[in-house]
Amino acid sequence: MADPLPRLRAAVSAQAAAAASLPWASTRRWRPETHLAVADGQPVVDLHDLSVALGVEVVEALITASAAEGFGSMLLITGRGKHNADQRSPLREAVIAAVEAQRAQRPELTLRAAGAGRLVIVWDSARAADAAVGRLGWAFWGGVAAFVLLATVVAPPLGLVLFLVCAAVFFAQRGR
């Protein structure tokens, strides 16, 4: 498969050109080459250095372009709003509102927080990055199997207790 990054960057070239005229562009200009990447099976876009309106445009353009490239999710870095007097991120709030508005036409869109100042948008959970939908990879399950095998063979009583405690903690955290 050809590298999708050039096509994703081309999809936001109009917004990149508009970002060049923002008041802070001489010191902190938003460029697709520096603010857009593909990592862990999904596009990652840093919306810092964009206005709220341009940030929303970038997200909308990238949802369409990313879906066309075969991705099922996207990670957005909106920031936490630390530089605002009220400590909230207007960009984050605008992106959330825009995605919620798009859900009327695209009910498959889901949005969730992915840590401080980050959001994940999923439109196709089958093609989405594992981390975006909470799937645990083969390495995790291999580790669980090795742990169970060692715990039951090396020290069965202690191993069983340890396994049950770990399983209880795991399922308690997933239920949140």
Protein backbone atom coordinates (compact mmCIF):
# COMPACT_ATOMS: atom_id res chain seq x y z
CA MET A 1 0.00 0.00 0.00
CA ALA A 2 1.29 3.45 -0.90
CA ASP A 3 2.08 5.91 1.85
CA PRO A 4 -1.20 7.74 2.66
CA LEU A 5 0.50 10.70 4.34
CA PRO A 6 1.02 12.82 1.19
CA ARG A 7 -2.67 12.48 0.29
CA LEU A 8 -3.78 13.31 3.84
CA ARG A 9 -1.53 16.37 3.83
CA ALA A 10 -2.90 17.43 0.44
CA ALA A 11 -6.44 17.18 1.84
CA VAL A 12 -5.67 19.99 4.29
CA SER A 13 -3.52 22.15 2.01
CA ALA A 14 -6.19 24.88 1.81
CA GLN A 15 -6.34 25.10 5.60
CA ALA A 16 -2.53 25.16 5.78
CA ALA A 17 -2.46 28.08 3.37
CA ALA A 18 -5.08 29.92 5.45
CA ALA A 19 -3.08 29.20 8.62
CA ALA A 20 -0.17 31.15 7.13
CA SER A 21 -2.17 34.35 7.59
CA LEU A 22 -2.94 33.83 11.29
CA PRO A 23 -1.44 36.52 13.56
CA TRP A 24 0.97 34.06 15.22
CA ALA A 25 2.03 32.32 12.01
CA SER A 26 5.36 34.12 11.85
CA THR A 27 6.48 32.30 15.00
CA ARG A 28 4.19 29.24 15.19
CA ARG A 29 2.78 28.29 11.81
CA TRP A 30 0.60 25.21 11.38
CA ARG A 31 1.91 22.98 8.62
CA PRO A 32 0.73 19.50 7.63
CA GLU A 33 4.37 18.41 7.41
CA THR A 34 4.92 19.15 11.12
CA HIS A 35 1.44 18.71 12.60
CA LEU A 36 0.11 15.62 10.79
CA ALA A 37 1.48 12.08 10.97
CA VAL A 38 0.39 8.46 10.94
CA ALA A 39 1.22 6.51 14.09
CA ASP A 40 -0.04 3.21 15.47
CA GLY A 41 -2.35 2.67 12.52
CA GLN A 42 -4.17 5.99 12.55
CA PRO A 43 -3.69 9.61 11.51
CA VAL A 44 -2.54 11.88 14.34
CA VAL A 45 -3.15 15.60 13.92
CA ASP A 46 -1.90 18.29 16.27
CA LEU A 47 -4.33 21.20 16.09
CA HIS A 48 -2.12 23.58 18.07
CA ASP A 49 -1.32 26.76 16.15
CA LEU A 50 -4.70 26.78 14.36
CA SER A 51 -7.64 29.05 14.96
CA VAL A 52 -10.82 27.37 16.19
CA ALA A 53 -12.48 27.68 12.77
CA LEU A 54 -9.46 26.29 10.91
CA GLY A 55 -9.09 23.48 13.44
CA VAL A 56 -12.66 22.36 12.81
CA GLU A 57 -12.10 22.55 9.04
CA VAL A 58 -8.96 20.42 9.32
CA VAL A 59 -10.79 17.77 11.35
CA GLU A 60 -13.70 17.64 8.92
CA ALA A 61 -11.39 17.37 5.90
CA LEU A 62 -9.27 14.69 7.54
CA ILE A 63 -12.22 12.52 8.54
CA THR A 64 -13.21 12.28 4.88
CA ALA A 65 -9.64 11.85 3.59
CA SER A 66 -8.69 9.32 6.27
CA ALA A 67 -11.76 7.19 5.59
CA ALA A 68 -10.91 7.24 1.88
CA GLU A 69 -7.38 6.03 2.75
CA GLY A 70 -8.77 3.05 4.67
CA PHE A 71 -8.36 4.31 8.22
CA GLY A 72 -11.12 3.83 10.77
CA SER A 73 -10.02 6.33 13.42
CA MET A 74 -8.01 9.46 14.03
CA LEU A 75 -6.24 10.92 17.06
CA LEU A 76 -6.61 14.67 17.59
CA ILE A 77 -4.35 16.73 19.82
CA THR A 78 -6.43 19.74 20.81
CA GLY A 79 -4.61 20.84 23.91
CA ARG A 80 -5.99 21.32 27.40
CA GLY A 81 -6.51 25.07 27.35
CA LYS A 82 -3.73 25.84 29.84
CA HIS A 83 -3.09 29.21 28.22
CA ASN A 84 -6.69 30.40 28.56
CA ALA A 85 -7.84 32.29 31.63
CA ASP A 86 -10.64 29.79 32.29
CA GLN A 87 -8.34 26.78 31.67
CA ARG A 88 -10.58 25.28 28.98
CA SER A 89 -9.86 24.62 25.33
CA PRO A 90 -12.20 26.43 22.92
CA LEU A 91 -10.71 24.35 20.09
CA ARG A 92 -11.51 21.09 21.87
CA GLU A 93 -15.07 22.24 22.54
CA ALA A 94 -15.55 23.34 18.92
CA VAL A 95 -14.22 20.02 17.58
CA ILE A 96 -16.55 18.08 19.87
CA ALA A 97 -19.51 20.21 18.74
CA ALA A 98 -18.59 19.76 15.06
CA VAL A 99 -18.30 15.98 15.37
CA GLU A 100 -21.59 15.83 17.26
CA ALA A 101 -23.22 17.86 14.47
CA GLN A 102 -21.81 15.47 11.84
CA ARG A 103 -23.32 12.50 13.69
CA ALA A 104 -26.73 13.49 12.28
CA GLN A 105 -25.51 12.49 8.81
CA ARG A 106 -22.93 9.92 10.00
CA PRO A 107 -24.23 8.08 13.08
CA GLU A 108 -21.21 5.75 13.03
CA LEU A 109 -18.97 8.59 14.26
CA THR A 110 -17.94 8.20 17.88
CA LEU A 111 -15.77 10.51 19.91
CA ARG A 112 -13.97 9.88 23.17
CA ALA A 113 -11.28 11.45 25.28
CA ALA A 114 -7.87 9.85 24.92
CA GLY A 115 -6.03 11.60 27.71
CA ALA A 116 -5.52 15.22 28.59
CA GLY A 117 -5.91 17.40 25.50
CA ARG A 118 -6.54 14.46 23.15
CA LEU A 119 -9.60 13.09 21.40
CA VAL A 120 -10.15 9.98 19.30
CA ILE A 121 -12.71 9.91 16.51
CA VAL A 122 -13.81 6.47 15.27
CA TRP A 123 -15.97 5.95 12.19
CA ASP A 124 -15.18 2.29 11.40
CA SER A 125 -14.30 0.21 14.44
CA ALA A 126 -13.23 -2.76 12.30
CA ARG A 127 -10.53 -0.64 10.61
CA ALA A 128 -9.75 1.58 13.61
CA ALA A 129 -6.45 1.44 15.44
CA ASP A 130 -6.48 -1.04 18.34
CA ALA A 131 -5.83 1.71 20.88
CA ALA A 132 -8.70 3.80 19.49
CA VAL A 133 -11.30 1.13 20.26
CA GLY A 134 -9.68 -0.47 23.29
CA ARG A 135 -8.63 -3.74 21.64
CA LEU A 136 -5.80 -5.54 23.38
CA GLY A 137 -3.13 -6.89 21.07
CA TRP A 138 -1.56 -10.32 20.82
CA ALA A 139 1.37 -9.29 23.01
CA PHE A 140 -0.97 -8.59 25.91
CA TRP A 141 -2.77 -11.90 25.58
CA GLY A 142 0.55 -13.75 25.13
CA GLY A 143 1.75 -12.18 28.36
CA VAL A 144 -1.44 -13.22 30.13
CA ALA A 145 -1.02 -16.79 28.89
CA ALA A 146 2.63 -16.87 29.99
CA PHE A 147 1.69 -15.44 33.39
CA VAL A 148 -1.06 -18.02 33.87
CA LEU A 149 1.20 -20.88 32.76
CA LEU A 150 4.06 -19.83 35.02
CA ALA A 151 1.77 -19.09 37.93
CA THR A 152 0.00 -22.43 37.75
CA VAL A 153 3.13 -24.52 37.13
CA VAL A 154 5.67 -22.78 39.37
CA ALA A 155 3.52 -21.90 42.37
CA PRO A 156 -0.05 -23.04 41.76
CA PRO A 157 -1.79 -21.77 44.93
CA LEU A 158 -0.06 -18.39 44.91
CA GLY A 159 -0.34 -18.14 41.13
CA LEU A 160 -4.08 -18.75 41.19
CA VAL A 161 -4.62 -16.07 43.80
CA LEU A 162 -2.43 -13.62 41.87
CA PHE A 163 -4.27 -14.40 38.64
CA LEU A 164 -7.69 -13.85 40.22
CA VAL A 165 -6.58 -10.52 41.72
CA CYS A 166 -5.15 -9.34 38.38
CA ALA A 167 -8.28 -10.45 36.51
CA ALA A 168 -10.54 -8.66 39.01
CA VAL A 169 -8.53 -5.43 38.70
CA PHE A 170 -8.49 -5.68 34.91
CA PHE A 171 -12.25 -6.15 34.58
CA ALA A 172 -12.99 -3.49 37.19
CA GLN A 173 -10.96 -0.93 35.21
CA ARG A 174 -12.54 -1.90 31.85
CA GLY A 175 -15.98 -1.38 33.33
CA ARG A 176 -15.32 2.31 34.03
